[in-house]
Amino acid sequence: MDFGRKILKYAHYHLFEERHLVCFAYSLDRPLIQFPISDLLKIHIATPADYKQITRDLFPVLIKEHEYDKHYFLRLGDPRAQCFIAEREGKIIHYAWFFHDATASPFMKVWSQRRKAKKGDAYVGPVFTHPSARGTLVYSSVLVRILDYARQQGCRRLLLVIDGRRPSAVRFYERWNFEHV
């Protein structure tokens, strides 16, 4: 892609797409939500040794807006960011990135939201569930682990940004007591 097209794509995103983004925060000083985690689901923080399986199980279905997520996996092993993955029957079906410091995360690339990050905030994103596993509460199980992990790491709030044009995503975080920021 030539430089001019990159500039146009960048401008289009910040002028037209970013305005649909909604920021949520979860305060970690309140009791964590209890959620049963299926025995069939194995959730752990990915390491560089997981990269090959991630590329085999998830990369083929990371298309369109998720294509960009592939570059994050080069960060596996970075102490400032963890990738929580969920496996079922030996296949990776979900990932969610956790950044210890929201002010040094992809959150800061969202111009309209970046002033909302404070010291002690962590950030979650990007998040993806394999199409065959959607609607099976995989992300809910992973989110419980992330919230617990964030609290153990001394974080005060967990921030995330979603596309507000997806009402089901907005309702999901509202049900989990995330607050609009």
C-alpha atoms as a PDB file:
ATOM      1  CA  MET A   1       0.000   0.000   0.000  1.00  0.00           C
ATOM      2  CA  ASP A   2       1.482   3.341  -0.960  1.00  0.00           C
ATOM      3  CA  PHE A   3       1.894   6.196   1.503  1.00  0.00           C
ATOM      4  CA  GLY A   4      -1.092   8.190   0.174  1.00  0.00           C
ATOM      5  CA  ARG A   5      -3.463   5.261   0.645  1.00  0.00           C
ATOM      6  CA  LYS A   6      -2.175   4.689   4.169  1.00  0.00           C
ATOM      7  CA  ILE A   7      -2.870   8.334   5.034  1.00  0.00           C
ATOM      8  CA  LEU A   8      -6.394   8.116   3.599  1.00  0.00           C
ATOM      9  CA  LYS A   9      -7.113   4.884   5.475  1.00  0.00           C
ATOM     10  CA  TYR A  10      -5.798   6.410   8.718  1.00  0.00           C
ATOM     11  CA  ALA A  11      -7.865   9.587   8.246  1.00  0.00           C
ATOM     12  CA  HIS A  12     -11.004   7.611   7.403  1.00  0.00           C
ATOM     13  CA  TYR A  13     -10.672   5.543  10.559  1.00  0.00           C
ATOM     14  CA  HIS A  14     -10.182   8.531  12.870  1.00  0.00           C
ATOM     15  CA  LEU A  15     -12.861  10.649  11.193  1.00  0.00           C
ATOM     16  CA  PHE A  16     -15.587   8.064  10.611  1.00  0.00           C
ATOM     17  CA  GLU A  17     -14.977   4.818  12.473  1.00  0.00           C
ATOM     18  CA  GLU A  18     -13.553   5.978  15.810  1.00  0.00           C
ATOM     19  CA  ARG A  19     -16.691   7.954  16.633  1.00  0.00           C
ATOM     20  CA  HIS A  20     -18.568   4.666  17.084  1.00  0.00           C
ATOM     21  CA  LEU A  21     -16.230   3.413  19.772  1.00  0.00           C
ATOM     22  CA  VAL A  22     -17.455   3.116  23.355  1.00  0.00           C
ATOM     23  CA  CYS A  23     -15.141   3.001  26.353  1.00  0.00           C
ATOM     24  CA  PHE A  24     -15.957   0.864  29.383  1.00  0.00           C
ATOM     25  CA  ALA A  25     -14.212   0.574  32.759  1.00  0.00           C
ATOM     26  CA  TYR A  26     -14.439  -1.995  35.516  1.00  0.00           C
ATOM     27  CA  SER A  27     -13.328  -0.866  38.955  1.00  0.00           C
ATOM     28  CA  LEU A  28     -11.270  -3.613  40.584  1.00  0.00           C
ATOM     29  CA  ASP A  29     -11.907  -2.399  44.138  1.00  0.00           C
ATOM     30  CA  ARG A  30     -15.326  -4.057  44.221  1.00  0.00           C
ATOM     31  CA  PRO A  31     -16.054  -7.789  44.550  1.00  0.00           C
ATOM     32  CA  LEU A  32     -15.300  -9.809  41.463  1.00  0.00           C
ATOM     33  CA  ILE A  33     -18.094 -11.526  39.606  1.00  0.00           C
ATOM     34  CA  GLN A  34     -18.270 -15.252  40.264  1.00  0.00           C
ATOM     35  CA  PHE A  35     -18.684 -17.332  37.152  1.00  0.00           C
ATOM     36  CA  PRO A  36     -18.430 -21.116  36.785  1.00  0.00           C
ATOM     37  CA  ILE A  37     -15.691 -22.142  34.375  1.00  0.00           C
ATOM     38  CA  SER A  38     -16.244 -25.296  32.373  1.00  0.00           C
ATOM     39  CA  ASP A  39     -13.916 -28.207  33.054  1.00  0.00           C
ATOM     40  CA  LEU A  40     -13.653 -28.616  29.288  1.00  0.00           C
ATOM     41  CA  LEU A  41     -12.052 -25.202  28.915  1.00  0.00           C
ATOM     42  CA  LYS A  42      -8.359 -24.675  29.565  1.00  0.00           C
ATOM     43  CA  ILE A  43      -7.429 -21.008  30.080  1.00  0.00           C
ATOM     44  CA  HIS A  44      -3.840 -19.829  30.409  1.00  0.00           C
ATOM     45  CA  ILE A  45      -1.442 -17.056  29.485  1.00  0.00           C
ATOM     46  CA  ALA A  46       0.123 -17.813  26.113  1.00  0.00           C
ATOM     47  CA  THR A  47       3.892 -18.133  25.724  1.00  0.00           C
ATOM     48  CA  PRO A  48       6.045 -18.030  22.599  1.00  0.00           C
ATOM     49  CA  ALA A  49       5.739 -21.840  22.535  1.00  0.00           C
ATOM     50  CA  ASP A  50       1.984 -21.409  21.794  1.00  0.00           C
ATOM     51  CA  TYR A  51       2.590 -19.296  18.678  1.00  0.00           C
ATOM     52  CA  LYS A  52       2.555 -22.181  16.202  1.00  0.00           C
ATOM     53  CA  GLN A  53      -0.766 -23.534  17.512  1.00  0.00           C
ATOM     54  CA  ILE A  54      -2.278 -20.028  17.573  1.00  0.00           C
ATOM     55  CA  THR A  55      -1.350 -19.510  13.918  1.00  0.00           C
ATOM     56  CA  ARG A  56      -2.784 -22.934  13.027  1.00  0.00           C
ATOM     57  CA  ASP A  57      -6.048 -22.658  15.006  1.00  0.00           C
ATOM     58  CA  LEU A  58      -6.906 -18.953  14.808  1.00  0.00           C
ATOM     59  CA  PHE A  59      -5.062 -17.156  12.006  1.00  0.00           C
ATOM     60  CA  PRO A  60      -7.180 -18.737   9.228  1.00  0.00           C
ATOM     61  CA  VAL A  61     -10.330 -17.152  10.711  1.00  0.00           C
ATOM     62  CA  LEU A  62      -8.782 -13.749  11.558  1.00  0.00           C
ATOM     63  CA  ILE A  63     -10.149 -11.843   8.589  1.00  0.00           C
ATOM     64  CA  LYS A  64     -11.248  -8.278   7.891  1.00  0.00           C
ATOM     65  CA  GLU A  65     -11.011  -6.178  11.076  1.00  0.00           C
ATOM     66  CA  HIS A  66      -9.265  -9.005  12.954  1.00  0.00           C
ATOM     67  CA  GLU A  67      -6.455  -9.365  10.412  1.00  0.00           C
ATOM     68  CA  TYR A  68      -4.647  -6.539  12.223  1.00  0.00           C
ATOM     69  CA  ASP A  69      -4.590  -8.568  15.466  1.00  0.00           C
ATOM     70  CA  LYS A  70      -2.013 -10.989  14.065  1.00  0.00           C
ATOM     71  CA  HIS A  71       0.868  -8.618  14.760  1.00  0.00           C
ATOM     72  CA  TYR A  72       0.138  -8.672  18.517  1.00  0.00           C
ATOM     73  CA  PHE A  73       1.221 -12.309  18.741  1.00  0.00           C
ATOM     74  CA  LEU A  74       4.796 -11.233  18.092  1.00  0.00           C
ATOM     75  CA  ARG A  75       4.586  -9.813  21.648  1.00  0.00           C
ATOM     76  CA  LEU A  76       4.165 -13.220  23.276  1.00  0.00           C
ATOM     77  CA  GLY A  77       6.585 -13.265  26.202  1.00  0.00           C
ATOM     78  CA  ASP A  78       6.532  -9.458  26.646  1.00  0.00           C
ATOM     79  CA  PRO A  79       6.137  -8.834  30.408  1.00  0.00           C
ATOM     80  CA  ARG A  80       3.976  -5.733  29.762  1.00  0.00           C
ATOM     81  CA  ALA A  81       1.278  -7.649  27.869  1.00  0.00           C
ATOM     82  CA  GLN A  82      -0.255 -11.079  28.285  1.00  0.00           C
ATOM     83  CA  CYS A  83      -2.406 -12.998  25.872  1.00  0.00           C
ATOM     84  CA  PHE A  84      -5.004 -15.110  27.642  1.00  0.00           C
ATOM     85  CA  ILE A  85      -6.005 -18.055  25.471  1.00  0.00           C
ATOM     86  CA  ALA A  86      -8.751 -20.618  25.871  1.00  0.00           C
ATOM     87  CA  GLU A  87      -8.505 -24.152  24.555  1.00  0.00           C
ATOM     88  CA  ARG A  88     -11.212 -26.738  24.148  1.00  0.00           C
ATOM     89  CA  GLU A  89     -10.462 -30.285  23.012  1.00  0.00           C
ATOM     90  CA  GLY A  90      -6.900 -29.296  22.134  1.00  0.00           C
ATOM     91  CA  LYS A  91      -7.863 -26.359  19.884  1.00  0.00           C
ATOM     92  CA  ILE A  92      -7.345 -22.690  20.738  1.00  0.00           C
ATOM     93  CA  ILE A  93     -10.737 -21.036  20.398  1.00  0.00           C
ATOM     94  CA  HIS A  94     -10.259 -17.636  22.011  1.00  0.00           C
ATOM     95  CA  TYR A  95      -7.720 -14.933  22.854  1.00  0.00           C
ATOM     96  CA  ALA A  96      -7.870 -11.744  24.873  1.00  0.00           C
ATOM     97  CA  TRP A  97      -4.883  -9.415  25.260  1.00  0.00           C
ATOM     98  CA  PHE A  98      -4.201  -7.807  28.632  1.00  0.00           C
ATOM     99  CA  PHE A  99      -1.932  -4.753  28.918  1.00  0.00           C
ATOM    100  CA  HIS A 100      -0.746  -3.888  32.431  1.00  0.00           C
ATOM    101  CA  ASP A 101      -0.567  -0.158  31.706  1.00  0.00           C
ATOM    102  CA  ALA A 102      -3.385   1.333  29.651  1.00  0.00           C
ATOM    103  CA  THR A 103      -1.250   4.431  28.988  1.00  0.00           C
ATOM    104  CA  ALA A 104       1.289   2.229  27.156  1.00  0.00           C
ATOM    105  CA  SER A 105      -1.239   0.082  25.285  1.00  0.00           C
ATOM    106  CA  PRO A 106      -3.231   0.157  22.041  1.00  0.00           C
ATOM    107  CA  PHE A 107      -5.847   2.134  24.006  1.00  0.00           C
ATOM    108  CA  MET A 108      -3.722   5.237  23.510  1.00  0.00           C
ATOM    109  CA  LYS A 109      -4.135   4.998  19.719  1.00  0.00           C
ATOM    110  CA  VAL A 110      -7.822   5.826  20.109  1.00  0.00           C
ATOM    111  CA  TRP A 111      -7.657   9.602  20.111  1.00  0.00           C
ATOM    112  CA  SER A 112     -11.192  10.119  21.368  1.00  0.00           C
ATOM    113  CA  GLN A 113     -10.620   7.866  24.393  1.00  0.00           C
ATOM    114  CA  ARG A 114      -6.975   8.258  25.388  1.00  0.00           C
ATOM    115  CA  ARG A 115      -7.527  11.009  27.972  1.00  0.00           C
ATOM    116  CA  LYS A 116      -9.658   8.557  29.982  1.00  0.00           C
ATOM    117  CA  ALA A 117      -6.689   6.357  30.935  1.00  0.00           C
ATOM    118  CA  LYS A 118      -5.260   6.954  34.402  1.00  0.00           C
ATOM    119  CA  LYS A 119      -2.343   5.636  36.381  1.00  0.00           C
ATOM    120  CA  GLY A 120      -3.186   2.148  37.614  1.00  0.00           C
ATOM    121  CA  ASP A 121      -5.479   1.342  34.678  1.00  0.00           C
ATOM    122  CA  ALA A 122      -5.008  -1.808  32.630  1.00  0.00           C
ATOM    123  CA  TYR A 123      -6.420  -2.413  29.159  1.00  0.00           C
ATOM    124  CA  VAL A 124      -8.014  -5.443  27.515  1.00  0.00           C
ATOM    125  CA  GLY A 125      -8.041  -5.783  23.755  1.00  0.00           C
ATOM    126  CA  PRO A 126      -8.069  -7.073  21.179  1.00  0.00           C
ATOM    127  CA  VAL A 127     -10.404  -9.974  21.956  1.00  0.00           C
ATOM    128  CA  PHE A 128     -11.518 -12.720  19.575  1.00  0.00           C
ATOM    129  CA  THR A 129     -13.546 -15.926  19.809  1.00  0.00           C
ATOM    130  CA  HIS A 130     -13.422 -18.520  17.047  1.00  0.00           C
ATOM    131  CA  PRO A 131     -16.737 -18.444  15.133  1.00  0.00           C
ATOM    132  CA  SER A 132     -17.431 -22.086  16.070  1.00  0.00           C
ATOM    133  CA  ALA A 133     -17.200 -21.216  19.798  1.00  0.00           C
ATOM    134  CA  ARG A 134     -19.288 -18.037  19.901  1.00  0.00           C
ATOM    135  CA  GLY A 135     -22.269 -18.111  22.229  1.00  0.00           C
ATOM    136  CA  THR A 136     -20.661 -20.723  24.492  1.00  0.00           C
ATOM    137  CA  LEU A 137     -19.595 -18.346  27.301  1.00  0.00           C
ATOM    138  CA  VAL A 138     -15.894 -18.763  26.494  1.00  0.00           C
ATOM    139  CA  TYR A 139     -15.146 -15.060  26.813  1.00  0.00           C
ATOM    140  CA  SER A 140     -17.067 -14.822  30.088  1.00  0.00           C
ATOM    141  CA  SER A 141     -14.791 -17.516  31.515  1.00  0.00           C
ATOM    142  CA  VAL A 142     -11.676 -15.766  30.243  1.00  0.00           C
ATOM    143  CA  LEU A 143     -12.868 -12.390  31.502  1.00  0.00           C
ATOM    144  CA  VAL A 144     -13.200 -13.765  35.038  1.00  0.00           C
ATOM    145  CA  ARG A 145      -9.554 -14.853  34.870  1.00  0.00           C
ATOM    146  CA  ILE A 146      -8.446 -11.497  33.471  1.00  0.00           C
ATOM    147  CA  LEU A 147     -10.265  -9.535  36.180  1.00  0.00           C
ATOM    148  CA  ASP A 148      -8.702 -11.710  38.870  1.00  0.00           C
ATOM    149  CA  TYR A 149      -5.260 -11.383  37.272  1.00  0.00           C
ATOM    150  CA  ALA A 150      -5.585  -7.594  36.980  1.00  0.00           C
ATOM    151  CA  ARG A 151      -6.467  -7.340  40.649  1.00  0.00           C
ATOM    152  CA  GLN A 152      -3.485  -9.547  41.614  1.00  0.00           C
ATOM    153  CA  GLN A 153      -1.243  -7.247  39.560  1.00  0.00           C
ATOM    154  CA  GLY A 154      -2.418  -4.225  41.568  1.00  0.00           C
ATOM    155  CA  CYS A 155      -4.440  -2.606  38.795  1.00  0.00           C
ATOM    156  CA  ARG A 156      -7.232  -0.259  39.856  1.00  0.00           C
ATOM    157  CA  ARG A 157      -9.425  -0.335  36.753  1.00  0.00           C
ATOM    158  CA  LEU A 158      -9.747  -2.376  33.615  1.00  0.00           C
ATOM    159  CA  LEU A 159     -10.479  -0.401  30.456  1.00  0.00           C
ATOM    160  CA  LEU A 160     -11.702  -1.626  27.100  1.00  0.00           C
ATOM    161  CA  VAL A 161     -13.065  -0.116  23.932  1.00  0.00           C
ATOM    162  CA  ILE A 162     -15.752  -1.701  21.774  1.00  0.00           C
ATOM    163  CA  ASP A 163     -17.677  -0.856  18.630  1.00  0.00           C
ATOM    164  CA  GLY A 164     -20.862   0.802  19.859  1.00  0.00           C
ATOM    165  CA  ARG A 165     -22.666  -0.313  16.697  1.00  0.00           C
ATOM    166  CA  ARG A 166     -22.781  -3.801  18.218  1.00  0.00           C
ATOM    167  CA  PRO A 167     -25.593  -3.561  20.778  1.00  0.00           C
ATOM    168  CA  SER A 168     -25.034  -7.114  22.002  1.00  0.00           C
ATOM    169  CA  ALA A 169     -21.440  -6.224  22.943  1.00  0.00           C
ATOM    170  CA  VAL A 170     -22.603  -3.096  24.782  1.00  0.00           C
ATOM    171  CA  ARG A 171     -25.210  -5.120  26.707  1.00  0.00           C
ATOM    172  CA  PHE A 172     -22.632  -7.806  27.544  1.00  0.00           C
ATOM    173  CA  TYR A 173     -20.354  -5.342  29.342  1.00  0.00           C
ATOM    174  CA  GLU A 174     -23.263  -3.570  31.008  1.00  0.00           C
ATOM    175  CA  ARG A 175     -24.457  -6.920  32.428  1.00  0.00           C
ATOM    176  CA  TRP A 176     -20.933  -7.447  33.792  1.00  0.00           C
ATOM    177  CA  ASN A 177     -21.204  -4.067  35.595  1.00  0.00           C
ATOM    178  CA  PHE A 178     -18.667  -2.299  33.411  1.00  0.00           C
ATOM    179  CA  GLU A 179     -19.372   1.421  33.432  1.00  0.00           C
ATOM    180  CA  HIS A 180     -19.463   3.741  30.450  1.00  0.00           C
ATOM    181  CA  VAL A 181     -16.517   6.131  30.745  1.00  0.00           C
END
